[in-house]
Amino acid sequence: MARWLPSLNAMRAFEAAARHLSFTRAAEELHVSQGAVSHHVKTLEQQLDLKLFDRRPGGLALTVAGAAYLPVLRDAFDRMARGTADITQRRSSNILTVSVSPNFAARWLVHRLGDFGAAHPDIDLRVSAAMEHIDFAMGDLDVAVRHGDGRWPALHVTPLIREEVYPVLSPSLLERGPALNEPNDLRHYTLLHDVSSRGWSAWLDKVGADTVDAEKGPFFNMTSLALDAAVTGQGVALARRALATQDLLAGRLVRPFDISLTSERGYFIVCPEASADIPKIVRFREWLLAENQRDIEKLNALYARPALPASR
């Protein structure tokens, strides 16, 4: 819904004249003529159809309407001034505040921060891990990594990691457990569930594993907990590639099947449109994209090797 507002110049002229109770001092503050201030105030009174000043021989006096309007405009101009100062300071500051989910922080970001610091020693990175999406209009947040479908119309959005979901388990469990020759063999294993993921049903449906109970097994409210349980050999987790990469590369987890679920969902780098070209944000964005590309190359190399033999 469109807002109707009087002329900004008229409001500025009234606010300054009302504070000083003088057109002359308002003109000096605004670097315009006294006649221009008087004209702007008259225009505002006409637009509002209200008398804002009583013009007396001894000077100006605010009417009841003028006295009520002054604090409203003063607060609005003060907030605009603070907001302008904040955004210009944020552009020049070396502090970069990043918001990510706890899962993404723990499983993807934190162990890489030393490399970012070495490559960009002039940027003072501040990481905030939160379950909820933080509003850029609140606080000093610069950039975020969000999971979703990429539809945030008011923000600058860059795709980072496309959603790819597949089963993972510890190599020791694969070695000592029943054979995993085909997906239906998962019926012999405990399935570990992440309540925030798409769930086992979709993956099992895709591979036609109709003898596996998709609902059995423990449920965890965070992906990282399900992956921790998988690393310690408690079962098979359905993992997002982004969150399982380091465990796969380190050999703590393996993929028993080369079948993934993909979608348009994933991880995206987001920031306000007005901030998208700030150099520190550009550098952080480019670093994130380069790190993801390295992950893809390492995983491709890993799974180009002969597959791990099925357990007996």
Protein backbone atom coordinates (compact mmCIF):
# COMPACT_ATOMS: atom_id res chain seq x y z
CA MET A 1 0.00 0.00 0.00
CA ALA A 2 1.47 3.35 -1.07
CA ARG A 3 2.20 5.89 1.65
CA TRP A 4 1.09 9.50 1.29
CA LEU A 5 3.51 11.99 2.77
CA PRO A 6 3.80 15.76 2.48
CA SER A 7 6.84 17.28 0.81
CA LEU A 8 10.06 16.21 2.56
CA ASN A 9 11.54 19.70 2.18
CA ALA A 10 8.39 21.16 3.73
CA MET A 11 8.60 18.81 6.70
CA ARG A 12 12.30 19.58 7.20
CA ALA A 13 11.60 23.32 7.10
CA PHE A 14 8.78 23.03 9.63
CA GLU A 15 10.80 20.80 11.99
CA ALA A 16 13.75 23.21 12.01
CA ALA A 17 11.53 26.30 12.39
CA ALA A 18 9.54 24.64 15.17
CA ARG A 19 12.68 23.73 17.11
CA HIS A 20 14.08 27.26 16.85
CA LEU A 21 10.72 29.06 16.75
CA SER A 22 12.39 31.15 14.08
CA PHE A 23 12.33 31.08 10.28
CA THR A 24 15.65 32.92 10.24
CA ARG A 25 17.53 30.38 12.37
CA ALA A 26 15.90 27.52 10.50
CA ALA A 27 17.12 29.04 7.23
CA GLU A 28 20.65 29.28 8.60
CA GLU A 29 20.58 25.62 9.66
CA LEU A 30 19.22 24.41 6.32
CA HIS A 31 21.38 26.77 4.23
CA VAL A 32 18.40 28.29 2.42
CA SER A 33 16.74 31.69 2.49
CA GLN A 34 14.23 32.76 5.11
CA GLY A 35 11.68 33.13 2.33
CA ALA A 36 12.23 29.51 1.28
CA VAL A 37 11.54 28.29 4.83
CA SER A 38 8.40 30.40 5.06
CA HIS A 39 7.23 29.09 1.68
CA HIS A 40 7.84 25.45 2.64
CA VAL A 41 5.97 25.83 5.92
CA LYS A 42 3.02 27.45 4.16
CA THR A 43 3.02 24.59 1.62
CA LEU A 44 2.97 22.04 4.45
CA GLU A 45 0.07 23.80 6.16
CA GLN A 46 -1.85 23.73 2.87
CA GLN A 47 -1.10 20.03 2.28
CA LEU A 48 -2.20 19.12 5.80
CA ASP A 49 -5.03 21.65 5.86
CA LEU A 50 -3.81 22.62 9.34
CA LYS A 51 -2.34 25.75 10.87
CA LEU A 52 1.01 24.83 12.47
CA PHE A 53 2.27 28.27 13.63
CA ASP A 54 0.74 31.38 15.09
CA ARG A 55 2.67 34.27 13.54
CA ARG A 56 2.85 36.93 16.30
CA PRO A 57 4.63 40.29 16.45
CA GLY A 58 7.02 38.87 19.04
CA GLY A 59 7.82 35.79 16.99
CA LEU A 60 6.47 32.34 16.19
CA ALA A 61 4.38 30.13 18.45
CA LEU A 62 3.30 26.56 17.74
CA THR A 63 -0.38 25.79 17.48
CA VAL A 64 -1.78 22.70 19.19
CA ALA A 65 -1.42 20.82 15.88
CA GLY A 66 2.13 22.10 15.39
CA ALA A 67 3.15 21.09 18.92
CA ALA A 68 1.78 17.58 18.33
CA TYR A 69 3.49 17.24 14.91
CA LEU A 70 6.96 18.41 15.98
CA PRO A 71 7.98 15.36 18.11
CA VAL A 72 6.71 13.01 15.39
CA LEU A 73 8.92 14.61 12.76
CA ARG A 74 11.84 15.02 15.15
CA ASP A 75 11.78 11.30 15.95
CA ALA A 76 11.50 10.38 12.26
CA PHE A 77 14.43 12.58 11.24
CA ASP A 78 16.52 11.36 14.19
CA ARG A 79 15.92 7.74 13.16
CA MET A 80 16.77 8.49 9.53
CA ALA A 81 19.97 10.20 10.64
CA ARG A 82 20.93 7.23 12.85
CA GLY A 83 20.11 4.76 10.09
CA THR A 84 22.16 6.72 7.57
CA ALA A 85 25.10 6.89 9.97
CA ASP A 86 24.84 3.17 10.69
CA ILE A 87 24.79 2.10 7.06
CA THR A 88 27.64 4.37 6.04
CA GLN A 89 29.69 3.26 9.04
CA ARG A 90 28.91 -0.39 8.23
CA ARG A 91 30.19 0.09 4.68
CA SER A 92 33.52 1.48 5.89
CA SER A 93 33.94 -0.71 9.00
CA ASN A 94 36.23 -3.73 8.90
CA ILE A 95 33.76 -5.73 11.04
CA LEU A 96 31.67 -8.28 9.12
CA THR A 97 28.76 -9.79 11.05
CA VAL A 98 27.44 -13.07 9.63
CA SER A 99 24.33 -15.02 10.62
CA VAL A 100 24.09 -18.78 9.99
CA SER A 101 22.17 -21.71 11.43
CA PRO A 102 23.85 -23.70 14.23
CA ASN A 103 24.02 -26.75 11.92
CA PHE A 104 25.74 -24.83 9.14
CA ALA A 105 28.09 -23.15 11.60
CA ALA A 106 29.16 -26.40 13.25
CA ARG A 107 29.29 -28.65 10.19
CA TRP A 108 30.44 -26.35 7.42
CA LEU A 109 31.70 -22.93 8.49
CA VAL A 110 33.62 -22.95 11.77
CA HIS A 111 36.54 -25.19 10.79
CA ARG A 112 37.20 -23.00 7.72
CA LEU A 113 37.35 -19.64 9.51
CA GLY A 114 41.10 -19.84 10.06
CA ASP A 115 41.61 -19.97 6.30
CA PHE A 116 39.33 -16.98 5.80
CA GLY A 117 41.19 -15.02 8.46
CA ALA A 118 44.54 -15.83 6.87
CA ALA A 119 43.31 -14.77 3.43
CA HIS A 120 41.53 -11.63 4.67
CA PRO A 121 43.34 -10.42 7.82
CA ASP A 122 41.81 -6.95 7.49
CA ILE A 123 38.25 -8.27 8.04
CA ASP A 124 37.10 -8.79 11.63
CA LEU A 125 34.54 -11.58 11.29
CA ARG A 126 31.69 -11.96 13.81
CA VAL A 127 29.57 -15.13 13.50
CA SER A 128 26.09 -15.40 15.00
CA ALA A 129 24.49 -18.87 15.02
CA ALA A 130 20.70 -18.75 15.35
CA MET A 131 17.82 -21.05 14.45
CA GLU A 132 15.59 -18.21 13.29
CA HIS A 133 16.21 -15.87 10.36
CA ILE A 134 17.45 -12.56 11.71
CA ASP A 135 15.93 -9.39 10.28
CA PHE A 136 18.53 -7.25 8.52
CA ALA A 137 16.60 -4.17 9.61
CA MET A 138 17.43 -5.00 13.21
CA GLY A 139 20.92 -4.84 14.70
CA ASP A 140 24.22 -4.84 12.83
CA LEU A 141 23.91 -7.95 10.65
CA ASP A 142 25.76 -7.68 7.31
CA VAL A 143 25.23 -11.01 5.55
CA ALA A 144 23.65 -14.40 6.21
CA VAL A 145 23.63 -17.95 4.90
CA ARG A 146 20.06 -19.22 4.82
CA HIS A 147 18.52 -22.57 3.93
CA GLY A 148 15.41 -22.47 1.78
CA ASP A 149 14.17 -22.10 -1.77
CA GLY A 150 15.99 -18.85 -2.47
CA ARG A 151 12.86 -16.72 -2.53
CA TRP A 152 13.58 -13.66 -0.43
CA PRO A 153 12.34 -10.84 -2.69
CA ALA A 154 13.64 -7.96 -0.59
CA LEU A 155 17.20 -9.34 -0.43
CA HIS A 156 20.17 -9.91 -2.73
CA VAL A 157 20.35 -13.70 -3.07
CA THR A 158 23.27 -15.83 -4.33
CA PRO A 159 22.94 -19.65 -4.55
CA LEU A 160 25.68 -21.35 -2.54
CA ILE A 161 24.96 -25.09 -2.14
CA ARG A 162 22.20 -26.96 -3.93
CA GLU A 163 20.26 -29.44 -1.83
CA GLU A 164 21.59 -32.99 -2.19
CA VAL A 165 20.47 -35.63 0.32
CA TYR A 166 21.76 -39.19 0.70
CA PRO A 167 22.34 -41.90 3.35
CA VAL A 168 25.60 -41.95 5.32
CA LEU A 169 27.01 -44.19 8.05
CA SER A 170 30.30 -44.86 9.77
CA PRO A 171 32.73 -47.16 7.92
CA SER A 172 33.03 -49.33 11.03
CA LEU A 173 29.27 -49.93 11.11
CA LEU A 174 29.30 -50.74 7.38
CA GLU A 175 32.14 -53.21 7.93
CA ARG A 176 30.61 -55.08 10.86
CA GLY A 177 26.92 -54.77 9.98
CA PRO A 178 24.72 -56.68 7.56
CA ALA A 179 25.53 -56.35 3.87
CA LEU A 180 24.29 -53.18 2.16
CA ASN A 181 24.13 -54.45 -1.41
CA GLU A 182 20.92 -52.59 -2.28
CA PRO A 183 18.65 -50.04 -0.55
CA ASN A 184 16.19 -52.60 0.82
CA ASP A 185 19.04 -53.92 2.99
CA LEU A 186 18.58 -50.79 5.11
CA ARG A 187 15.77 -52.67 6.88
CA HIS A 188 18.53 -54.32 8.93
CA TYR A 189 19.81 -50.96 10.17
CA THR A 190 18.60 -48.25 12.54
CA LEU A 191 17.53 -45.17 10.59
CA LEU A 192 18.48 -41.86 12.19
CA HIS A 193 15.96 -39.09 11.55
CA ASP A 194 16.47 -35.33 11.33
CA VAL A 195 13.14 -33.61 11.88
CA SER A 196 14.24 -30.62 9.78
CA SER A 197 15.12 -32.68 6.69
CA ARG A 198 12.87 -34.04 3.94
CA GLY A 199 12.82 -37.40 5.72
CA TRP A 200 13.61 -40.93 4.74
CA SER A 201 10.32 -41.60 2.95
CA ALA A 202 11.21 -39.55 -0.14
CA TRP A 203 14.61 -41.19 -0.58
CA LEU A 204 13.28 -44.71 -0.03
CA ASP A 205 10.43 -44.05 -2.47
CA LYS A 206 12.91 -42.87 -5.10
CA VAL A 207 15.00 -46.03 -4.88
CA GLY A 208 11.99 -48.34 -4.55
CA ALA A 209 12.96 -49.66 -1.12
CA ASP A 210 9.49 -50.83 -0.08
CA THR A 211 10.59 -53.22 2.68
CA VAL A 212 12.18 -50.50 4.84
CA ASP A 213 10.13 -48.84 7.59
CA ALA A 214 10.76 -45.13 6.99
CA GLU A 215 9.38 -44.11 10.38
CA LYS A 216 11.39 -46.32 12.74
CA GLY A 217 14.44 -45.07 14.58
CA PRO A 218 15.35 -42.11 16.81
CA PHE A 219 14.48 -38.53 15.83
CA PHE A 220 16.78 -35.54 16.41
CA ASN A 221 15.81 -31.88 16.31
CA MET A 222 19.14 -30.87 14.74
CA THR A 223 20.96 -32.32 11.75
CA SER A 224 24.28 -32.19 13.57
CA LEU A 225 22.95 -34.54 16.26
CA ALA A 226 21.82 -37.09 13.68
CA LEU A 227 25.23 -36.91 12.00
CA ASP A 228 27.02 -37.27 15.35
CA ALA A 229 24.97 -40.40 16.01
CA ALA A 230 25.93 -41.74 12.58
CA VAL A 231 29.64 -41.01 13.13
CA THR A 232 29.55 -43.01 16.37
CA GLY A 233 27.99 -46.01 14.62
CA GLN A 234 24.45 -45.73 15.99
CA GLY A 235 22.74 -46.03 12.60
CA VAL A 236 22.32 -44.59 9.12
CA ALA A 237 21.52 -40.89 8.73
CA LEU A 238 20.01 -39.11 5.75
CA ALA A 239 22.41 -36.21 5.31
CA ARG A 240 22.56 -32.97 3.38
CA ARG A 241 25.76 -32.93 1.38
CA ALA A 242 26.69 -29.50 2.75
CA LEU A 243 26.62 -30.73 6.33
CA ALA A 244 28.22 -34.15 5.78
CA THR A 245 31.12 -33.11 3.52
CA GLN A 246 33.82 -32.81 6.17
CA ASP A 247 32.91 -36.14 7.77
CA LEU A 248 32.95 -37.80 4.34
CA LEU A 249 36.32 -36.31 3.39
CA ALA A 250 37.79 -37.25 6.79
CA GLY A 251 36.50 -40.82 6.48
CA ARG A 252 34.24 -40.58 9.51
CA LEU A 253 31.24 -41.26 7.27
CA VAL A 254 30.76 -43.09 3.98
CA ARG A 255 27.99 -43.28 1.40
CA PRO A 256 26.70 -46.84 0.91
CA PHE A 257 24.73 -45.91 -2.24
CA ASP A 258 25.41 -43.45 -5.06
CA ILE A 259 21.82 -42.18 -5.15
CA SER A 260 20.81 -38.66 -4.09
CA LEU A 261 17.67 -36.62 -3.75
CA THR A 262 18.05 -33.13 -5.19
CA SER A 263 15.78 -30.12 -5.22
CA GLU A 264 15.78 -26.38 -5.78
CA ARG A 265 16.22 -25.88 -2.05
CA GLY A 266 19.63 -25.36 -0.56
CA TYR A 267 21.88 -22.80 1.08
CA PHE A 268 21.92 -19.22 -0.16
CA ILE A 269 24.04 -16.16 0.64
CA VAL A 270 21.74 -13.22 1.38
CA CYS A 271 22.18 -9.55 2.23
CA PRO A 272 20.29 -6.30 1.64
CA GLU A 273 20.36 -5.17 -1.99
CA ALA A 274 21.97 -1.90 -0.94
CA SER A 275 24.87 -3.78 0.69
CA ALA A 276 25.58 -6.33 -2.03
CA ASP A 277 28.55 -4.44 -3.49
CA ILE A 278 30.29 -3.60 -0.20
CA PRO A 279 33.82 -4.96 -0.69
CA LYS A 280 33.97 -7.01 2.54
CA ILE A 281 30.64 -8.67 1.68
CA VAL A 282 31.80 -9.34 -1.89
CA ARG A 283 34.99 -10.94 -0.59
CA PHE A 284 33.14 -13.11 1.92
CA ARG A 285 30.63 -14.19 -0.73
CA GLU A 286 33.39 -15.11 -3.19
CA TRP A 287 35.23 -17.04 -0.47
CA LEU A 288 32.09 -19.06 0.39
CA LEU A 289 31.55 -19.93 -3.29
CA ALA A 290 35.19 -20.95 -3.72
CA GLU A 291 35.04 -23.17 -0.61
CA ASN A 292 31.95 -24.93 -1.93
CA GLN A 293 33.61 -25.51 -5.31
CA ARG A 294 36.61 -27.07 -3.56
CA ASP A 295 34.26 -29.37 -1.64
CA ILE A 296 32.64 -30.51 -4.90
CA GLU A 297 36.04 -31.24 -6.46
CA LYS A 298 37.26 -33.16 -3.40
CA LEU A 299 34.08 -35.25 -3.18
CA ASN A 300 34.19 -35.99 -6.90
CA ALA A 301 37.77 -37.17 -6.50
CA LEU A 302 36.88 -39.25 -3.44
CA TYR A 303 34.02 -41.06 -5.12
CA ALA A 304 35.97 -41.57 -8.33
CA ARG A 305 37.97 -44.16 -6.35
CA PRO A 306 36.84 -47.79 -6.17
CA ALA A 307 33.76 -48.10 -4.00
CA LEU A 308 34.10 -49.37 -0.43
CA PRO A 309 33.27 -53.12 -0.42
CA ALA A 310 29.88 -54.02 1.05
CA SER A 311 30.02 -55.50 4.53
CA ARG A 312 29.45 -59.21 4.94
